[in-house]
Amino acid sequence: MEINEILQGNTNALIIVRRDDLIEFATTFANSINASQPKLPIKQVAEQPISQVEAVEFLGKSRQTLIKWRKKGIINGYRLGGRIYYKPSELVSALEKLG
């Protein structure tokens, strides 16, 4: 008797299942349940700004290059408490634009 016959029939059956098969079944079942659930929008996580020192390391450029880019408007710097911070995503965008 095949599993489809057991699942569709009205009979009781004793089934012996190997551990690996049971894990595979549970994983497949969980994945099908998750796939059928409506997708909720993911909350945007606030991007953590990085310091100028971290930005220099992140870009692999000099501090002077970072300052020049900020003055030219290539990147934005955000002043907080007398220090300049940068958003990593904006730094990546600047690198992509500059090639």
N, C-alpha and C. Protein backbone atom coordinates (compact mmCIF):
# COMPACT_ATOMS: atom_id res chain seq x y z
N MET A 1 0.85 -1.17 0.00
CA MET A 1 0.00 0.00 0.00
C MET A 1 0.90 1.24 0.00
N GLU A 2 0.57 2.21 -0.82
CA GLU A 2 1.36 3.42 -0.92
C GLU A 2 0.81 4.50 0.01
N ILE A 3 1.64 5.48 0.30
CA ILE A 3 1.27 6.53 1.25
C ILE A 3 0.05 7.31 0.79
N ASN A 4 -0.08 7.54 -0.51
CA ASN A 4 -1.24 8.27 -1.02
C ASN A 4 -2.54 7.51 -0.75
N GLU A 5 -2.49 6.19 -0.86
CA GLU A 5 -3.68 5.38 -0.58
C GLU A 5 -4.05 5.46 0.89
N ILE A 6 -3.03 5.47 1.75
CA ILE A 6 -3.28 5.55 3.19
C ILE A 6 -3.87 6.91 3.55
N LEU A 7 -3.30 7.96 2.98
CA LEU A 7 -3.75 9.31 3.31
C LEU A 7 -5.16 9.59 2.78
N GLN A 8 -5.53 9.01 1.66
CA GLN A 8 -6.84 9.27 1.07
C GLN A 8 -7.92 8.32 1.59
N GLY A 9 -7.51 7.20 2.12
CA GLY A 9 -8.48 6.22 2.57
C GLY A 9 -9.01 6.52 3.96
N ASN A 10 -10.03 5.77 4.33
CA ASN A 10 -10.63 5.93 5.65
C ASN A 10 -10.20 4.82 6.59
N THR A 11 -9.09 4.20 6.29
CA THR A 11 -8.64 3.09 7.12
C THR A 11 -7.56 3.54 8.08
N ASN A 12 -7.45 2.85 9.19
CA ASN A 12 -6.37 3.10 10.13
C ASN A 12 -5.19 2.24 9.70
N ALA A 13 -4.00 2.78 9.91
CA ALA A 13 -2.82 2.03 9.52
C ALA A 13 -1.68 2.32 10.50
N LEU A 14 -0.89 1.32 10.74
CA LEU A 14 0.31 1.46 11.54
C LEU A 14 1.46 1.62 10.56
N ILE A 15 2.18 2.72 10.70
CA ILE A 15 3.25 3.01 9.75
C ILE A 15 4.56 3.09 10.53
N ILE A 16 5.55 2.38 10.05
CA ILE A 16 6.89 2.45 10.63
C ILE A 16 7.71 3.33 9.71
N VAL A 17 8.30 4.38 10.30
CA VAL A 17 9.01 5.38 9.51
C VAL A 17 10.42 5.53 10.07
N ARG A 18 11.38 5.64 9.15
CA ARG A 18 12.75 5.91 9.57
C ARG A 18 12.86 7.35 10.02
N ARG A 19 13.80 7.61 10.92
CA ARG A 19 14.01 8.94 11.47
C ARG A 19 14.25 9.97 10.37
N ASP A 20 15.12 9.66 9.42
CA ASP A 20 15.44 10.59 8.34
C ASP A 20 14.22 10.92 7.49
N ASP A 21 13.38 9.92 7.24
CA ASP A 21 12.16 10.15 6.46
C ASP A 21 11.20 11.05 7.22
N LEU A 22 11.12 10.87 8.53
CA LEU A 22 10.24 11.69 9.35
C LEU A 22 10.72 13.15 9.35
N ILE A 23 12.03 13.34 9.45
CA ILE A 23 12.59 14.69 9.41
C ILE A 23 12.32 15.34 8.06
N GLU A 24 12.50 14.58 7.00
CA GLU A 24 12.24 15.10 5.65
C GLU A 24 10.76 15.48 5.51
N PHE A 25 9.88 14.63 6.01
CA PHE A 25 8.45 14.92 5.95
C PHE A 25 8.12 16.20 6.72
N ALA A 26 8.66 16.31 7.94
CA ALA A 26 8.38 17.49 8.76
C ALA A 26 8.89 18.76 8.09
N THR A 27 10.07 18.69 7.49
CA THR A 27 10.64 19.85 6.81
C THR A 27 9.79 20.23 5.60
N THR A 28 9.41 19.26 4.81
CA THR A 28 8.57 19.51 3.64
C THR A 28 7.23 20.10 4.06
N PHE A 29 6.64 19.55 5.12
CA PHE A 29 5.36 20.03 5.61
C PHE A 29 5.48 21.47 6.10
N ALA A 30 6.51 21.76 6.87
CA ALA A 30 6.72 23.12 7.39
C ALA A 30 6.94 24.10 6.25
N ASN A 31 7.71 23.70 5.25
CA ASN A 31 7.97 24.58 4.10
C ASN A 31 6.69 24.86 3.33
N SER A 32 5.83 23.85 3.18
CA SER A 32 4.57 24.07 2.45
C SER A 32 3.64 24.98 3.23
N ILE A 33 3.63 24.86 4.55
CA ILE A 33 2.81 25.75 5.37
C ILE A 33 3.34 27.18 5.27
N ASN A 34 4.66 27.34 5.37
CA ASN A 34 5.25 28.68 5.28
C ASN A 34 5.01 29.30 3.92
N ALA A 35 5.06 28.51 2.86
CA ALA A 35 4.85 29.03 1.51
C ALA A 35 3.42 29.49 1.30
N SER A 36 2.48 28.88 2.01
CA SER A 36 1.08 29.25 1.82
C SER A 36 0.66 30.45 2.67
N GLN A 37 1.50 30.86 3.60
CA GLN A 37 1.20 32.01 4.44
C GLN A 37 1.43 33.30 3.66
N PRO A 38 0.58 34.30 3.87
CA PRO A 38 0.81 35.57 3.19
C PRO A 38 2.10 36.21 3.69
N LYS A 39 2.80 36.82 2.76
CA LYS A 39 4.06 37.47 3.11
C LYS A 39 3.77 38.84 3.71
N LEU A 40 4.26 39.06 4.90
CA LEU A 40 4.09 40.34 5.56
C LEU A 40 5.29 41.22 5.22
N PRO A 41 5.07 42.51 5.08
CA PRO A 41 6.21 43.36 4.78
C PRO A 41 7.22 43.34 5.92
N ILE A 42 8.47 43.28 5.55
CA ILE A 42 9.54 43.26 6.55
C ILE A 42 9.77 44.69 7.02
N LYS A 43 9.83 44.86 8.32
CA LYS A 43 10.09 46.18 8.86
C LYS A 43 11.49 46.60 8.45
N GLN A 44 11.59 47.85 8.04
CA GLN A 44 12.92 48.34 7.71
C GLN A 44 13.68 48.59 8.99
N VAL A 45 14.85 48.03 9.03
CA VAL A 45 15.70 48.21 10.19
C VAL A 45 16.48 49.49 9.98
N ALA A 46 16.49 50.34 10.99
CA ALA A 46 17.24 51.58 10.89
C ALA A 46 18.71 51.25 10.70
N GLU A 47 19.29 51.86 9.70
CA GLU A 47 20.69 51.59 9.39
C GLU A 47 21.57 52.28 10.42
N GLN A 48 22.50 51.54 10.96
CA GLN A 48 23.41 52.07 11.98
C GLN A 48 24.51 52.87 11.30
N PRO A 49 24.60 54.17 11.57
CA PRO A 49 25.67 54.96 10.96
C PRO A 49 27.04 54.55 11.53
N ILE A 50 28.06 54.78 10.71
CA ILE A 50 29.42 54.43 11.15
C ILE A 50 30.26 55.70 11.22
N SER A 51 31.27 55.67 12.07
CA SER A 51 32.14 56.83 12.25
C SER A 51 33.02 57.03 11.03
N GLN A 52 33.70 58.18 11.01
CA GLN A 52 34.59 58.47 9.90
C GLN A 52 35.73 57.46 9.83
N VAL A 53 36.27 57.08 10.98
CA VAL A 53 37.35 56.08 11.02
C VAL A 53 36.85 54.75 10.44
N GLU A 54 35.64 54.34 10.83
CA GLU A 54 35.06 53.10 10.31
C GLU A 54 34.78 53.21 8.81
N ALA A 55 34.36 54.40 8.37
CA ALA A 55 34.07 54.61 6.94
C ALA A 55 35.35 54.50 6.11
N VAL A 56 36.45 55.02 6.63
CA VAL A 56 37.74 54.91 5.94
C VAL A 56 38.12 53.45 5.77
N GLU A 57 37.98 52.67 6.84
CA GLU A 57 38.27 51.23 6.78
C GLU A 57 37.32 50.52 5.82
N PHE A 58 36.04 50.88 5.90
CA PHE A 58 35.00 50.26 5.09
C PHE A 58 35.27 50.46 3.60
N LEU A 59 35.65 51.70 3.23
CA LEU A 59 35.88 52.02 1.82
C LEU A 59 37.27 51.63 1.32
N GLY A 60 38.22 51.59 2.25
CA GLY A 60 39.59 51.35 1.83
C GLY A 60 40.19 52.58 1.16
N LYS A 61 39.67 53.74 1.52
CA LYS A 61 40.14 55.02 0.99
C LYS A 61 40.72 55.84 2.13
N SER A 62 41.37 56.94 1.80
CA SER A 62 41.95 57.79 2.83
C SER A 62 40.88 58.70 3.43
N ARG A 63 41.21 59.28 4.56
CA ARG A 63 40.31 60.22 5.23
C ARG A 63 40.08 61.44 4.33
N GLN A 64 41.14 61.88 3.67
CA GLN A 64 41.03 63.04 2.77
C GLN A 64 40.07 62.76 1.61
N THR A 65 40.11 61.56 1.07
CA THR A 65 39.19 61.19 -0.01
C THR A 65 37.76 61.28 0.48
N LEU A 66 37.53 60.78 1.68
CA LEU A 66 36.19 60.83 2.27
C LEU A 66 35.72 62.27 2.42
N ILE A 67 36.59 63.14 2.88
CA ILE A 67 36.25 64.56 3.05
C ILE A 67 35.97 65.22 1.71
N LYS A 68 36.81 64.92 0.70
CA LYS A 68 36.60 65.48 -0.65
C LYS A 68 35.26 65.04 -1.22
N TRP A 69 34.95 63.76 -1.07
CA TRP A 69 33.67 63.24 -1.58
C TRP A 69 32.49 63.93 -0.90
N ARG A 70 32.63 64.18 0.40
CA ARG A 70 31.56 64.84 1.13
C ARG A 70 31.39 66.27 0.64
N LYS A 71 32.49 66.98 0.42
CA LYS A 71 32.43 68.36 -0.06
C LYS A 71 31.86 68.46 -1.47
N LYS A 72 32.17 67.46 -2.30
CA LYS A 72 31.65 67.43 -3.68
C LYS A 72 30.21 66.95 -3.75
N GLY A 73 29.67 66.44 -2.65
CA GLY A 73 28.29 65.95 -2.63
C GLY A 73 28.15 64.51 -3.10
N ILE A 74 29.25 63.81 -3.23
CA ILE A 74 29.20 62.40 -3.66
C ILE A 74 28.61 61.54 -2.55
N ILE A 75 28.96 61.88 -1.31
CA ILE A 75 28.40 61.17 -0.16
C ILE A 75 27.88 62.20 0.84
N ASN A 76 27.00 61.76 1.71
CA ASN A 76 26.48 62.62 2.77
C ASN A 76 27.16 62.26 4.08
N GLY A 77 27.47 63.29 4.84
CA GLY A 77 27.98 63.10 6.18
C GLY A 77 26.95 63.64 7.15
N TYR A 78 26.77 62.97 8.26
CA TYR A 78 25.78 63.38 9.25
C TYR A 78 26.50 63.77 10.52
N ARG A 79 26.35 65.03 10.92
CA ARG A 79 27.04 65.54 12.09
C ARG A 79 26.22 65.24 13.34
N LEU A 80 26.90 64.67 14.33
CA LEU A 80 26.27 64.37 15.60
C LEU A 80 27.29 64.56 16.70
N GLY A 81 27.04 65.55 17.56
CA GLY A 81 27.94 65.81 18.66
C GLY A 81 29.35 66.19 18.21
N GLY A 82 29.45 66.93 17.13
CA GLY A 82 30.76 67.36 16.65
C GLY A 82 31.52 66.32 15.84
N ARG A 83 30.91 65.18 15.62
CA ARG A 83 31.54 64.12 14.82
C ARG A 83 30.72 63.86 13.56
N ILE A 84 31.39 63.33 12.56
CA ILE A 84 30.72 63.02 11.30
C ILE A 84 30.49 61.51 11.22
N TYR A 85 29.28 61.14 10.81
CA TYR A 85 28.92 59.73 10.63
C TYR A 85 28.40 59.53 9.22
N TYR A 86 28.51 58.29 8.75
CA TYR A 86 28.09 57.95 7.39
C TYR A 86 27.20 56.71 7.42
N LYS A 87 26.31 56.64 6.43
CA LYS A 87 25.49 55.44 6.27
C LYS A 87 26.21 54.50 5.32
N PRO A 88 26.43 53.24 5.75
CA PRO A 88 27.14 52.29 4.88
C PRO A 88 26.51 52.13 3.50
N SER A 89 25.18 52.14 3.42
CA SER A 89 24.52 51.97 2.12
C SER A 89 24.86 53.12 1.17
N GLU A 90 24.99 54.33 1.72
CA GLU A 90 25.36 55.48 0.88
C GLU A 90 26.80 55.39 0.42
N LEU A 91 27.66 54.83 1.27
CA LEU A 91 29.06 54.65 0.88
C LEU A 91 29.17 53.63 -0.25
N VAL A 92 28.40 52.56 -0.15
CA VAL A 92 28.40 51.53 -1.20
C VAL A 92 27.88 52.13 -2.51
N SER A 93 26.82 52.93 -2.43
CA SER A 93 26.27 53.57 -3.63
C SER A 93 27.30 54.48 -4.28
N ALA A 94 28.04 55.22 -3.46
CA ALA A 94 29.07 56.11 -3.99
C ALA A 94 30.15 55.32 -4.72
N LEU A 95 30.57 54.21 -4.13
CA LEU A 95 31.58 53.38 -4.79
C LEU A 95 31.08 52.84 -6.12
N GLU A 96 29.80 52.44 -6.15
CA GLU A 96 29.23 51.90 -7.40
C GLU A 96 29.16 52.99 -8.47
N LYS A 97 28.79 54.21 -8.07
CA LYS A 97 28.70 55.32 -9.04
C LYS A 97 30.07 55.67 -9.60
N LEU A 98 31.06 55.65 -8.73
CA LEU A 98 32.41 56.05 -9.16
C LEU A 98 33.13 54.95 -9.92
N GLY A 99 32.60 53.73 -9.81
CA GLY A 99 33.15 52.60 -10.55
C GLY A 99 34.39 52.13 -9.97
